[in-house]
Amino acid sequence: MKAGIDRIIPMLSTAEGSWTQHLQRMDEALAEGNASAAVRAWRQAYAAALGSPGWVGLVEVAAASLRIGAIPGFARASEARARETYWTALFRARQQGSLNGVLDAAEAFGAIGDRSMVEQCIRIAESLAALNADAGTTDRVRDLAARLAERYLAPREREAV
């Protein structure tokens, strides 16, 4: 076995299971009002998503962090953790050349009010589209970027007026 593969396989096998299973347990614990079990399940989901090679799990786990914010006293920490996890998802998506991942991250950052990260995501998406050198992709990204800017960046411009 090659050295690069040796490093990947243990990382994938150390997760106790899919992040989805852990998120289901987290949601069950939230429904039962069991904050400690919810946080524990979220941490396991986070570890499983980090151990997986893609960005999708990280986006889902970040969104789940925001659900933990409904527990009294957890709002600030859960939003900070979601922001950090969305950032990690963005980084992975960019490394993998995934426009969908970058645009999903932009949507997520917009939903939590992080306008500067929406702008950064738009720039990354535009550069990925340019690397793709496909006019259709470039047009799609330009259209999506305009919608993201209208939804999340235009309110700031209106507030400044």
Protein backbone atom coordinates (compact mmCIF):
# COMPACT_ATOMS: atom_id res chain seq x y z
CA MET A 1 0.00 0.00 0.00
CA LYS A 2 1.25 3.51 -0.78
CA ALA A 3 2.00 5.94 2.06
CA GLY A 4 -0.69 8.41 0.96
CA ILE A 5 -3.37 5.73 1.05
CA ASP A 6 -2.19 4.53 4.47
CA ARG A 7 -2.91 7.98 5.88
CA ILE A 8 -6.38 8.20 4.36
CA ILE A 9 -7.78 4.83 5.40
CA PRO A 10 -7.23 5.20 9.17
CA MET A 11 -8.77 8.66 9.04
CA LEU A 12 -11.91 7.28 7.42
CA SER A 13 -12.17 4.25 9.67
CA THR A 14 -11.79 6.10 12.98
CA ALA A 15 -15.20 7.76 12.72
CA GLU A 16 -17.79 5.91 14.80
CA GLY A 17 -20.28 6.23 12.00
CA SER A 18 -21.74 8.65 9.56
CA TRP A 19 -22.27 12.23 10.70
CA THR A 20 -25.91 11.76 9.76
CA GLN A 21 -26.44 9.13 12.46
CA HIS A 22 -24.88 11.39 15.06
CA LEU A 23 -27.02 14.32 13.94
CA GLN A 24 -30.14 12.18 14.32
CA ARG A 25 -29.09 11.38 17.88
CA MET A 26 -28.42 15.08 18.48
CA ASP A 27 -31.90 16.03 17.25
CA GLU A 28 -33.46 13.32 19.42
CA ALA A 29 -31.56 14.62 22.44
CA LEU A 30 -32.68 18.18 21.67
CA ALA A 31 -36.29 17.01 21.46
CA GLU A 32 -35.88 15.34 24.87
CA GLY A 33 -34.29 18.49 26.32
CA ASN A 34 -31.02 16.67 27.02
CA ALA A 35 -28.40 19.35 26.30
CA SER A 36 -25.35 17.30 27.26
CA ALA A 37 -26.36 14.37 25.02
CA ALA A 38 -27.10 16.79 22.16
CA VAL A 39 -23.69 18.44 22.45
CA ARG A 40 -21.96 15.06 22.72
CA ALA A 41 -23.74 13.78 19.59
CA TRP A 42 -22.87 17.01 17.75
CA ARG A 43 -19.18 16.59 18.63
CA GLN A 44 -19.28 13.03 17.31
CA ALA A 45 -20.94 14.26 14.11
CA TYR A 46 -18.28 16.95 13.77
CA ALA A 47 -15.50 14.37 14.18
CA ALA A 48 -17.14 12.08 11.61
CA ALA A 49 -17.54 14.95 9.13
CA LEU A 50 -13.92 16.00 9.61
CA GLY A 51 -12.91 12.39 9.01
CA SER A 52 -14.79 12.23 5.74
CA PRO A 53 -13.12 13.57 2.62
CA GLY A 54 -15.82 15.97 1.41
CA TRP A 55 -17.43 19.24 2.40
CA VAL A 56 -21.11 18.18 2.55
CA GLY A 57 -20.93 16.70 6.04
CA LEU A 58 -19.28 19.82 7.39
CA VAL A 59 -22.07 22.02 6.03
CA GLU A 60 -24.70 19.76 7.61
CA VAL A 61 -22.86 19.64 10.93
CA ALA A 62 -22.47 23.42 10.95
CA ALA A 63 -26.21 23.85 10.41
CA ALA A 64 -26.81 21.40 13.27
CA SER A 65 -24.63 23.54 15.51
CA LEU A 66 -27.11 26.36 15.00
CA ARG A 67 -29.91 24.08 16.22
CA ILE A 68 -27.97 23.57 19.46
CA GLY A 69 -28.10 27.35 19.81
CA ALA A 70 -31.75 26.97 20.80
CA ILE A 71 -30.58 25.62 24.17
CA PRO A 72 -30.49 28.49 26.68
CA GLY A 73 -26.92 29.76 27.06
CA PHE A 74 -25.60 28.02 23.94
CA ALA A 75 -26.45 30.56 21.21
CA ARG A 76 -23.15 32.43 21.02
CA ALA A 77 -20.94 29.33 21.17
CA SER A 78 -23.05 27.42 18.65
CA GLU A 79 -22.92 30.25 16.13
CA ALA A 80 -19.15 30.55 16.54
CA ARG A 81 -18.76 26.79 16.03
CA ALA A 82 -21.06 26.90 12.99
CA ARG A 83 -19.02 29.75 11.47
CA GLU A 84 -15.77 27.84 12.03
CA THR A 85 -17.25 24.66 10.54
CA TYR A 86 -18.63 26.51 7.51
CA TRP A 87 -15.16 27.98 7.01
CA THR A 88 -13.65 24.48 7.04
CA ALA A 89 -16.29 23.32 4.53
CA LEU A 90 -15.47 26.29 2.30
CA PHE A 91 -11.76 25.49 2.45
CA ARG A 92 -12.41 21.86 1.47
CA ALA A 93 -14.80 22.81 -1.30
CA ARG A 94 -12.25 25.25 -2.71
CA GLN A 95 -9.49 22.64 -2.56
CA GLN A 96 -11.74 20.14 -4.33
CA GLY A 97 -12.77 22.68 -6.96
CA SER A 98 -16.43 22.32 -5.98
CA LEU A 99 -18.50 25.29 -7.08
CA ASN A 100 -21.53 23.79 -5.35
CA GLY A 101 -19.61 23.57 -2.09
CA VAL A 102 -18.37 27.15 -2.32
CA LEU A 103 -21.85 28.42 -3.15
CA ASP A 104 -23.43 26.36 -0.34
CA ALA A 105 -20.92 27.92 2.04
CA ALA A 106 -21.80 31.39 0.72
CA GLU A 107 -25.49 30.70 1.39
CA ALA A 108 -24.69 29.48 4.89
CA PHE A 109 -22.50 32.45 5.73
CA GLY A 110 -25.23 34.75 4.47
CA ALA A 111 -27.80 33.04 6.66
CA ILE A 112 -25.72 33.75 9.77
CA GLY A 113 -25.09 37.34 8.69
CA ASP A 114 -21.40 37.04 7.77
CA ARG A 115 -21.38 39.32 4.75
CA SER A 116 -17.60 39.50 4.38
CA MET A 117 -17.47 35.70 4.00
CA VAL A 118 -20.28 35.85 1.41
CA GLU A 119 -18.10 38.27 -0.56
CA GLN A 120 -15.09 35.99 -0.20
CA CYS A 121 -17.12 32.96 -1.31
CA ILE A 122 -18.31 34.85 -4.38
CA ARG A 123 -14.70 35.70 -5.31
CA ILE A 124 -13.65 32.07 -4.84
CA ALA A 125 -16.58 30.83 -6.95
CA GLU A 126 -15.71 33.28 -9.70
CA SER A 127 -12.08 32.15 -9.72
CA LEU A 128 -13.11 28.46 -9.81
CA ALA A 129 -15.45 29.20 -12.71
CA ALA A 130 -12.65 31.01 -14.55
CA LEU A 131 -10.33 28.02 -14.03
CA ASN A 132 -13.02 25.78 -15.47
CA ALA A 133 -12.96 27.96 -18.60
CA ASP A 134 -16.55 27.03 -19.38
CA ALA A 135 -18.71 29.97 -20.42
CA GLY A 136 -21.86 28.26 -19.12
CA THR A 137 -20.33 27.75 -15.68
CA THR A 138 -19.03 31.30 -15.59
CA ASP A 139 -22.49 32.64 -16.46
CA ARG A 140 -24.11 30.38 -13.83
CA VAL A 141 -21.71 31.60 -11.15
CA ARG A 142 -22.24 35.22 -12.17
CA ASP A 143 -26.02 34.78 -11.87
CA LEU A 144 -25.77 33.01 -8.51
CA ALA A 145 -23.27 35.58 -7.25
CA ALA A 146 -25.67 38.37 -8.20
CA ARG A 147 -28.49 36.65 -6.29
CA LEU A 148 -26.28 36.10 -3.24
CA ALA A 149 -25.14 39.71 -3.36
CA GLU A 150 -28.73 40.92 -3.60
CA ARG A 151 -29.86 38.72 -0.73
CA TYR A 152 -26.95 39.20 1.67
CA LEU A 153 -24.87 42.18 0.59
CA ALA A 154 -27.50 44.65 -0.61
CA PRO A 155 -29.04 45.01 2.89
CA ARG A 156 -25.69 46.39 4.17
CA GLU A 157 -25.57 48.92 1.36
CA ARG A 158 -29.13 50.02 2.19
CA GLU A 159 -28.25 50.31 5.89
CA ALA A 160 -25.30 52.58 5.03
CA VAL A 161 -27.57 55.02 3.20
